[in-house]
Amino acid sequence: MSYSKYYERFRARHSKPFDQIYYADLNYDQKYSFQKIDSLSGLLTIHSFSMGNESSAEHKEYAKFLDSVFTKIKENKIAKR
């Protein structure tokens, strides 16, 4: 299969509406997020775990983000169920 034929089929794949997020070049604020829903729950969304190893800059940013999420949970006293 030629390179151009591969990409033609890739762009026409059946799963595109569901998996296109994995192939996107996401901005920092699109890769993961946290939203407090109410006093008992929050929503942590992670679109990709493709961020390098523990020594990469992108992974270090992700670790800081997770630390901030758990700090918010503790400060806002989001209850355990």
PDB file of N, CA and C in Angstrom:
ATOM      1  N   MET A   1       0.851  -1.169   0.000  1.00  0.00           N
ATOM      2  CA  MET A   1       0.000   0.000   0.000  1.00  0.00           C
ATOM      3  C   MET A   1       0.894   1.229   0.000  1.00  0.00           C
ATOM      4  N   SER A   2       0.568   2.167  -0.819  1.00  0.00           N
ATOM      5  CA  SER A   2       1.354   3.391  -0.900  1.00  0.00           C
ATOM      6  C   SER A   2       1.058   4.288   0.303  1.00  0.00           C
ATOM      7  N   TYR A   3       1.965   5.220   0.554  1.00  0.00           N
ATOM      8  CA  TYR A   3       1.828   6.177   1.648  1.00  0.00           C
ATOM      9  C   TYR A   3       0.556   7.014   1.476  1.00  0.00           C
ATOM     10  N   SER A   4       0.311   7.481   0.284  1.00  0.00           N
ATOM     11  CA  SER A   4      -0.874   8.314   0.044  1.00  0.00           C
ATOM     12  C   SER A   4      -2.162   7.503   0.212  1.00  0.00           C
ATOM     13  N   LYS A   5      -2.156   6.244  -0.193  1.00  0.00           N
ATOM     14  CA  LYS A   5      -3.344   5.395  -0.036  1.00  0.00           C
ATOM     15  C   LYS A   5      -3.605   5.121   1.448  1.00  0.00           C
ATOM     16  N   TYR A   6      -2.524   4.902   2.202  1.00  0.00           N
ATOM     17  CA  TYR A   6      -2.670   4.693   3.637  1.00  0.00           C
ATOM     18  C   TYR A   6      -3.364   5.891   4.291  1.00  0.00           C
ATOM     19  N   TYR A   7      -2.900   7.101   4.001  1.00  0.00           N
ATOM     20  CA  TYR A   7      -3.496   8.287   4.612  1.00  0.00           C
ATOM     21  C   TYR A   7      -4.896   8.566   4.098  1.00  0.00           C
ATOM     22  N   GLU A   8      -5.181   8.197   2.897  1.00  0.00           N
ATOM     23  CA  GLU A   8      -6.550   8.318   2.373  1.00  0.00           C
ATOM     24  C   GLU A   8      -7.480   7.427   3.198  1.00  0.00           C
ATOM     25  N   ARG A   9      -7.064   6.192   3.438  1.00  0.00           N
ATOM     26  CA  ARG A   9      -7.870   5.271   4.240  1.00  0.00           C
ATOM     27  C   ARG A   9      -7.895   5.685   5.708  1.00  0.00           C
ATOM     28  N   PHE A  10      -6.781   6.195   6.211  1.00  0.00           N
ATOM     29  CA  PHE A  10      -6.725   6.655   7.598  1.00  0.00           C
ATOM     30  C   PHE A  10      -7.715   7.785   7.834  1.00  0.00           C
ATOM     31  N   ARG A  11      -7.784   8.745   6.930  1.00  0.00           N
ATOM     32  CA  ARG A  11      -8.714   9.869   7.071  1.00  0.00           C
ATOM     33  C   ARG A  11     -10.167   9.433   6.932  1.00  0.00           C
ATOM     34  N   ALA A  12     -10.423   8.310   6.272  1.00  0.00           N
ATOM     35  CA  ALA A  12     -11.784   7.821   6.075  1.00  0.00           C
ATOM     36  C   ALA A  12     -12.160   6.705   7.050  1.00  0.00           C
ATOM     37  N   ARG A  13     -11.344   6.461   8.069  1.00  0.00           N
ATOM     38  CA  ARG A  13     -11.584   5.344   8.984  1.00  0.00           C
ATOM     39  C   ARG A  13     -12.908   5.497   9.723  1.00  0.00           C
ATOM     40  N   HIS A  14     -13.508   4.377  10.037  1.00  0.00           N
ATOM     41  CA  HIS A  14     -14.795   4.330  10.723  1.00  0.00           C
ATOM     42  C   HIS A  14     -14.715   4.929  12.136  1.00  0.00           C
ATOM     43  N   SER A  15     -13.609   4.743  12.806  1.00  0.00           N
ATOM     44  CA  SER A  15     -13.469   5.171  14.203  1.00  0.00           C
ATOM     45  C   SER A  15     -13.075   6.641  14.368  1.00  0.00           C
ATOM     46  N   LYS A  16     -12.948   7.379  13.300  1.00  0.00           N
ATOM     47  CA  LYS A  16     -12.446   8.754  13.376  1.00  0.00           C
ATOM     48  C   LYS A  16     -13.174   9.631  14.403  1.00  0.00           C
ATOM     49  N   PRO A  17     -14.514   9.607  14.465  1.00  0.00           N
ATOM     50  CA  PRO A  17     -15.183  10.462  15.458  1.00  0.00           C
ATOM     51  C   PRO A  17     -14.806  10.133  16.900  1.00  0.00           C
ATOM     52  N   PHE A  18     -14.382   8.898  17.136  1.00  0.00           N
ATOM     53  CA  PHE A  18     -14.078   8.466  18.494  1.00  0.00           C
ATOM     54  C   PHE A  18     -12.605   8.561  18.856  1.00  0.00           C
ATOM     55  N   ASP A  19     -11.731   8.398  17.890  1.00  0.00           N
ATOM     56  CA  ASP A  19     -10.302   8.332  18.221  1.00  0.00           C
ATOM     57  C   ASP A  19      -9.464   9.483  17.681  1.00  0.00           C
ATOM     58  N   GLN A  20     -10.080  10.463  17.037  1.00  0.00           N
ATOM     59  CA  GLN A  20      -9.291  11.547  16.455  1.00  0.00           C
ATOM     60  C   GLN A  20      -8.522  12.346  17.505  1.00  0.00           C
ATOM     61  N   ILE A  21      -8.992  12.333  18.743  1.00  0.00           N
ATOM     62  CA  ILE A  21      -8.297  13.040  19.814  1.00  0.00           C
ATOM     63  C   ILE A  21      -6.889  12.477  20.031  1.00  0.00           C
ATOM     64  N   TYR A  22      -6.697  11.177  19.742  1.00  0.00           N
ATOM     65  CA  TYR A  22      -5.390  10.554  19.940  1.00  0.00           C
ATOM     66  C   TYR A  22      -4.369  10.972  18.890  1.00  0.00           C
ATOM     67  N   TYR A  23      -4.840  11.506  17.786  1.00  0.00           N
ATOM     68  CA  TYR A  23      -3.951  11.897  16.698  1.00  0.00           C
ATOM     69  C   TYR A  23      -3.805  13.410  16.575  1.00  0.00           C
ATOM     70  N   ALA A  24      -4.473  14.147  17.426  1.00  0.00           N
ATOM     71  CA  ALA A  24      -4.433  15.605  17.369  1.00  0.00           C
ATOM     72  C   ALA A  24      -3.179  16.131  18.064  1.00  0.00           C
ATOM     73  N   ASP A  25      -2.742  17.278  17.625  1.00  0.00           N
ATOM     74  CA  ASP A  25      -1.643  17.978  18.283  1.00  0.00           C
ATOM     75  C   ASP A  25      -2.290  18.934  19.286  1.00  0.00           C
ATOM     76  N   LEU A  26      -2.490  18.442  20.502  1.00  0.00           N
ATOM     77  CA  LEU A  26      -3.255  19.177  21.498  1.00  0.00           C
ATOM     78  C   LEU A  26      -2.439  20.259  22.184  1.00  0.00           C
ATOM     79  N   ASN A  27      -3.110  21.352  22.522  1.00  0.00           N
ATOM     80  CA  ASN A  27      -2.504  22.384  23.347  1.00  0.00           C
ATOM     81  C   ASN A  27      -2.451  21.886  24.783  1.00  0.00           C
ATOM     82  N   TYR A  28      -1.651  22.543  25.597  1.00  0.00           N
ATOM     83  CA  TYR A  28      -1.473  22.164  27.000  1.00  0.00           C
ATOM     84  C   TYR A  28      -2.811  22.014  27.718  1.00  0.00           C
ATOM     85  N   ASP A  29      -3.712  22.988  27.548  1.00  0.00           N
ATOM     86  CA  ASP A  29      -4.975  22.974  28.277  1.00  0.00           C
ATOM     87  C   ASP A  29      -5.998  21.999  27.709  1.00  0.00           C
ATOM     88  N   GLN A  30      -5.685  21.331  26.605  1.00  0.00           N
ATOM     89  CA  GLN A  30      -6.589  20.354  26.028  1.00  0.00           C
ATOM     90  C   GLN A  30      -6.200  18.919  26.390  1.00  0.00           C
ATOM     91  N   LYS A  31      -5.036  18.709  26.939  1.00  0.00           N
ATOM     92  CA  LYS A  31      -4.556  17.360  27.216  1.00  0.00           C
ATOM     93  C   LYS A  31      -5.198  16.760  28.452  1.00  0.00           C
ATOM     94  N   TYR A  32      -5.447  17.584  29.443  1.00  0.00           N
ATOM     95  CA  TYR A  32      -6.066  17.110  30.670  1.00  0.00           C
ATOM     96  C   TYR A  32      -6.711  18.289  31.380  1.00  0.00           C
ATOM     97  N   SER A  33      -7.697  17.968  32.207  1.00  0.00           N
ATOM     98  CA  SER A  33      -8.386  19.026  32.944  1.00  0.00           C
ATOM     99  C   SER A  33      -9.040  18.436  34.190  1.00  0.00           C
ATOM    100  N   PHE A  34      -9.376  19.316  35.110  1.00  0.00           N
ATOM    101  CA  PHE A  34     -10.110  18.932  36.303  1.00  0.00           C
ATOM    102  C   PHE A  34     -11.211  19.953  36.522  1.00  0.00           C
ATOM    103  N   GLN A  35     -12.403  19.451  36.831  1.00  0.00           N
ATOM    104  CA  GLN A  35     -13.543  20.328  37.085  1.00  0.00           C
ATOM    105  C   GLN A  35     -14.261  19.828  38.332  1.00  0.00           C
ATOM    106  N   LYS A  36     -14.435  20.706  39.304  1.00  0.00           N
ATOM    107  CA  LYS A  36     -15.204  20.356  40.497  1.00  0.00           C
ATOM    108  C   LYS A  36     -16.671  20.405  40.113  1.00  0.00           C
ATOM    109  N   ILE A  37     -17.382  19.308  40.350  1.00  0.00           N
ATOM    110  CA  ILE A  37     -18.794  19.229  39.971  1.00  0.00           C
ATOM    111  C   ILE A  37     -19.692  19.678  41.123  1.00  0.00           C
ATOM    112  N   ASP A  38     -19.439  19.140  42.295  1.00  0.00           N
ATOM    113  CA  ASP A  38     -20.184  19.536  43.489  1.00  0.00           C
ATOM    114  C   ASP A  38     -19.318  19.226  44.710  1.00  0.00           C
ATOM    115  N   SER A  39     -19.899  19.272  45.901  1.00  0.00           N
ATOM    116  CA  SER A  39     -19.093  19.068  47.108  1.00  0.00           C
ATOM    117  C   SER A  39     -18.619  17.628  47.272  1.00  0.00           C
ATOM    118  N   LEU A  40     -19.173  16.715  46.505  1.00  0.00           N
ATOM    119  CA  LEU A  40     -18.806  15.309  46.626  1.00  0.00           C
ATOM    120  C   LEU A  40     -17.988  14.772  45.458  1.00  0.00           C
ATOM    121  N   SER A  41     -17.931  15.515  44.370  1.00  0.00           N
ATOM    122  CA  SER A  41     -17.276  14.924  43.196  1.00  0.00           C
ATOM    123  C   SER A  41     -16.619  15.955  42.293  1.00  0.00           C
ATOM    124  N   GLY A  42     -15.678  15.444  41.516  1.00  0.00           N
ATOM    125  CA  GLY A  42     -14.976  16.231  40.514  1.00  0.00           C
ATOM    126  C   GLY A  42     -14.748  15.355  39.292  1.00  0.00           C
ATOM    127  N   LEU A  43     -14.417  15.966  38.192  1.00  0.00           N
ATOM    128  CA  LEU A  43     -14.201  15.246  36.945  1.00  0.00           C
ATOM    129  C   LEU A  43     -12.776  15.496  36.468  1.00  0.00           C
ATOM    130  N   LEU A  44     -11.977  14.446  36.450  1.00  0.00           N
ATOM    131  CA  LEU A  44     -10.614  14.502  35.942  1.00  0.00           C
ATOM    132  C   LEU A  44     -10.638  13.892  34.547  1.00  0.00           C
ATOM    133  N   THR A  45     -10.269  14.676  33.540  1.00  0.00           N
ATOM    134  CA  THR A  45     -10.258  14.218  32.156  1.00  0.00           C
ATOM    135  C   THR A  45      -8.830  14.201  31.655  1.00  0.00           C
ATOM    136  N   ILE A  46      -8.414  13.058  31.131  1.00  0.00           N
ATOM    137  CA  ILE A  46      -7.079  12.901  30.564  1.00  0.00           C
ATOM    138  C   ILE A  46      -7.252  12.308  29.179  1.00  0.00           C
ATOM    139  N   HIS A  47      -6.900  13.081  28.145  1.00  0.00           N
ATOM    140  CA  HIS A  47      -7.092  12.626  26.771  1.00  0.00           C
ATOM    141  C   HIS A  47      -5.950  11.765  26.270  1.00  0.00           C
ATOM    142  N   SER A  48      -4.796  11.892  26.863  1.00  0.00           N
ATOM    143  CA  SER A  48      -3.653  11.118  26.390  1.00  0.00           C
ATOM    144  C   SER A  48      -2.625  10.961  27.499  1.00  0.00           C
ATOM    145  N   PHE A  49      -2.041   9.767  27.566  1.00  0.00           N
ATOM    146  CA  PHE A  49      -0.949   9.530  28.491  1.00  0.00           C
ATOM    147  C   PHE A  49       0.386   9.579  27.756  1.00  0.00           C
ATOM    148  N   SER A  50       0.365  10.062  26.551  1.00  0.00           N
ATOM    149  CA  SER A  50       1.567  10.150  25.729  1.00  0.00           C
ATOM    150  C   SER A  50       2.296  11.450  26.065  1.00  0.00           C
ATOM    151  N   MET A  51       3.097  11.405  27.121  1.00  0.00           N
ATOM    152  CA  MET A  51       3.772  12.622  27.564  1.00  0.00           C
ATOM    153  C   MET A  51       5.206  12.364  27.995  1.00  0.00           C
ATOM    154  N   GLY A  52       5.777  11.306  27.489  1.00  0.00           N
ATOM    155  CA  GLY A  52       7.174  11.044  27.795  1.00  0.00           C
ATOM    156  C   GLY A  52       7.373  10.350  29.123  1.00  0.00           C
ATOM    157  N   ASN A  53       8.625  10.248  29.524  1.00  0.00           N
ATOM    158  CA  ASN A  53       8.935   9.599  30.802  1.00  0.00           C
ATOM    159  C   ASN A  53       9.096  10.643  31.897  1.00  0.00           C
ATOM    160  N   GLU A  54       9.403  10.191  33.096  1.00  0.00           N
ATOM    161  CA  GLU A  54       9.432  11.098  34.247  1.00  0.00           C
ATOM    162  C   GLU A  54      10.468  12.209  34.162  1.00  0.00           C
ATOM    163  N   SER A  55      11.406  12.113  33.226  1.00  0.00           N
ATOM    164  CA  SER A  55      12.408  13.176  33.106  1.00  0.00           C
ATOM    165  C   SER A  55      12.073  14.192  32.003  1.00  0.00           C
ATOM    166  N   SER A  56      11.023  13.944  31.230  1.00  0.00           N
ATOM    167  CA  SER A  56      10.668  14.881  30.154  1.00  0.00           C
ATOM    168  C   SER A  56       9.914  16.088  30.715  1.00  0.00           C
ATOM    169  N   ALA A  57      10.035  17.211  30.057  1.00  0.00           N
ATOM    170  CA  ALA A  57       9.376  18.446  30.501  1.00  0.00           C
ATOM    171  C   ALA A  57       7.854  18.295  30.496  1.00  0.00           C
ATOM    172  N   GLU A  58       7.328  17.627  29.494  1.00  0.00           N
ATOM    173  CA  GLU A  58       5.875  17.456  29.404  1.00  0.00           C
ATOM    174  C   GLU A  58       5.343  16.610  30.563  1.00  0.00           C
ATOM    175  N   HIS A  59       6.077  15.576  30.929  1.00  0.00           N
ATOM    176  CA  HIS A  59       5.666  14.731  32.049  1.00  0.00           C
ATOM    177  C   HIS A  59       5.738  15.506  33.365  1.00  0.00           C
ATOM    178  N   LYS A  60       6.750  16.343  33.516  1.00  0.00           N
ATOM    179  CA  LYS A  60       6.880  17.150  34.731  1.00  0.00           C
ATOM    180  C   LYS A  60       5.710  18.125  34.866  1.00  0.00           C
ATOM    181  N   GLU A  61       5.265  18.700  33.740  1.00  0.00           N
ATOM    182  CA  GLU A  61       4.095  19.588  33.764  1.00  0.00           C
ATOM    183  C   GLU A  61       2.844  18.825  34.175  1.00  0.00           C
ATOM    184  N   TYR A  62       2.697  17.604  33.668  1.00  0.00           N
ATOM    185  CA  TYR A  62       1.560  16.765  34.020  1.00  0.00           C
ATOM    186  C   TYR A  62       1.585  16.440  35.516  1.00  0.00           C
ATOM    187  N   ALA A  63       2.760  16.123  36.054  1.00  0.00           N
ATOM    188  CA  ALA A  63       2.891  15.825  37.481  1.00  0.00           C
ATOM    189  C   ALA A  63       2.492  17.040  38.320  1.00  0.00           C
ATOM    190  N   LYS A  64       2.895  18.246  37.897  1.00  0.00           N
ATOM    191  CA  LYS A  64       2.501  19.469  38.618  1.00  0.00           C
ATOM    192  C   LYS A  64       0.987  19.650  38.567  1.00  0.00           C
ATOM    193  N   PHE A  65       0.404  19.361  37.394  1.00  0.00           N
ATOM    194  CA  PHE A  65      -1.048  19.465  37.245  1.00  0.00           C
ATOM    195  C   PHE A  65      -1.748  18.511  38.224  1.00  0.00           C
ATOM    196  N   LEU A  66      -1.315  17.244  38.273  1.00  0.00           N
ATOM    197  CA  LEU A  66      -1.931  16.277  39.187  1.00  0.00           C
ATOM    198  C   LEU A  66      -1.780  16.709  40.636  1.00  0.00           C
ATOM    199  N   ASP A  67      -0.608  17.212  40.993  1.00  0.00           N
ATOM    200  CA  ASP A  67      -0.404  17.720  42.357  1.00  0.00           C
ATOM    201  C   ASP A  67      -1.394  18.830  42.670  1.00  0.00           C
ATOM    202  N   SER A  68      -1.604  19.727  41.706  1.00  0.00           N
ATOM    203  CA  SER A  68      -2.534  20.835  41.929  1.00  0.00           C
ATOM    204  C   SER A  68      -3.969  20.338  42.073  1.00  0.00           C
ATOM    205  N   VAL A  69      -4.333  19.297  41.322  1.00  0.00           N
ATOM    206  CA  VAL A  69      -5.678  18.730  41.428  1.00  0.00           C
ATOM    207  C   VAL A  69      -5.908  18.172  42.827  1.00  0.00           C
ATOM    208  N   PHE A  70      -4.954  17.370  43.309  1.00  0.00           N
ATOM    209  CA  PHE A  70      -5.140  16.775  44.625  1.00  0.00           C
ATOM    210  C   PHE A  70      -5.050  17.819  45.741  1.00  0.00           C
ATOM    211  N   THR A  71      -4.320  18.884  45.527  1.00  0.00           N
ATOM    212  CA  THR A  71      -4.304  19.996  46.483  1.00  0.00           C
ATOM    213  C   THR A  71      -5.677  20.665  46.517  1.00  0.00           C
ATOM    214  N   LYS A  72      -6.276  20.885  45.337  1.00  0.00           N
ATOM    215  CA  LYS A  72      -7.625  21.482  45.280  1.00  0.00           C
ATOM    216  C   LYS A  72      -8.640  20.594  45.979  1.00  0.00           C
ATOM    217  N   ILE A  73      -8.532  19.292  45.753  1.00  0.00           N
ATOM    218  CA  ILE A  73      -9.463  18.352  46.393  1.00  0.00           C
ATOM    219  C   ILE A  73      -9.342  18.450  47.906  1.00  0.00           C
ATOM    220  N   LYS A  74      -8.135  18.515  48.394  1.00  0.00           N
ATOM    221  CA  LYS A  74      -7.907  18.596  49.841  1.00  0.00           C
ATOM    222  C   LYS A  74      -8.389  19.937  50.387  1.00  0.00           C
ATOM    223  N   GLU A  75      -8.049  21.021  49.699  1.00  0.00           N
ATOM    224  CA  GLU A  75      -8.440  22.361  50.166  1.00  0.00           C
ATOM    225  C   GLU A  75      -9.956  22.549  50.130  1.00  0.00           C
ATOM    226  N   ASN A  76     -10.621  22.005  49.110  1.00  0.00           N
ATOM    227  CA  ASN A  76     -12.069  22.163  48.976  1.00  0.00           C
ATOM    228  C   ASN A  76     -12.841  21.075  49.723  1.00  0.00           C
ATOM    229  N   LYS A  77     -12.079  20.204  50.356  1.00  0.00           N
ATOM    230  CA  LYS A  77     -12.670  19.141  51.166  1.00  0.00           C
ATOM    231  C   LYS A  77     -13.726  18.360  50.396  1.00  0.00           C
ATOM    232  N   ILE A  78     -13.372  17.990  49.186  1.00  0.00           N
ATOM    233  CA  ILE A  78     -14.263  17.140  48.414  1.00  0.00           C
ATOM    234  C   ILE A  78     -14.333  15.798  49.147  1.00  0.00           C
ATOM    235  N   ALA A  79     -15.516  15.429  49.538  1.00  0.00           N
ATOM    236  CA  ALA A  79     -15.715  14.263  50.428  1.00  0.00           C
ATOM    237  C   ALA A  79     -15.401  12.951  49.732  1.00  0.00           C
ATOM    238  N   LYS A  80     -14.950  12.001  50.538  1.00  0.00           N
ATOM    239  CA  LYS A  80     -14.759  10.632  50.063  1.00  0.00           C
ATOM    240  C   LYS A  80     -16.090   9.922  50.141  1.00  0.00           C
ATOM    241  N   ARG A  81     -16.338   9.069  49.199  1.00  0.00           N
ATOM    242  CA  ARG A  81     -17.579   8.284  49.229  1.00  0.00           C
ATOM    243  C   ARG A  81     -17.332   6.943  49.816  1.00  0.00           C
TER     244      ARG A  81
END
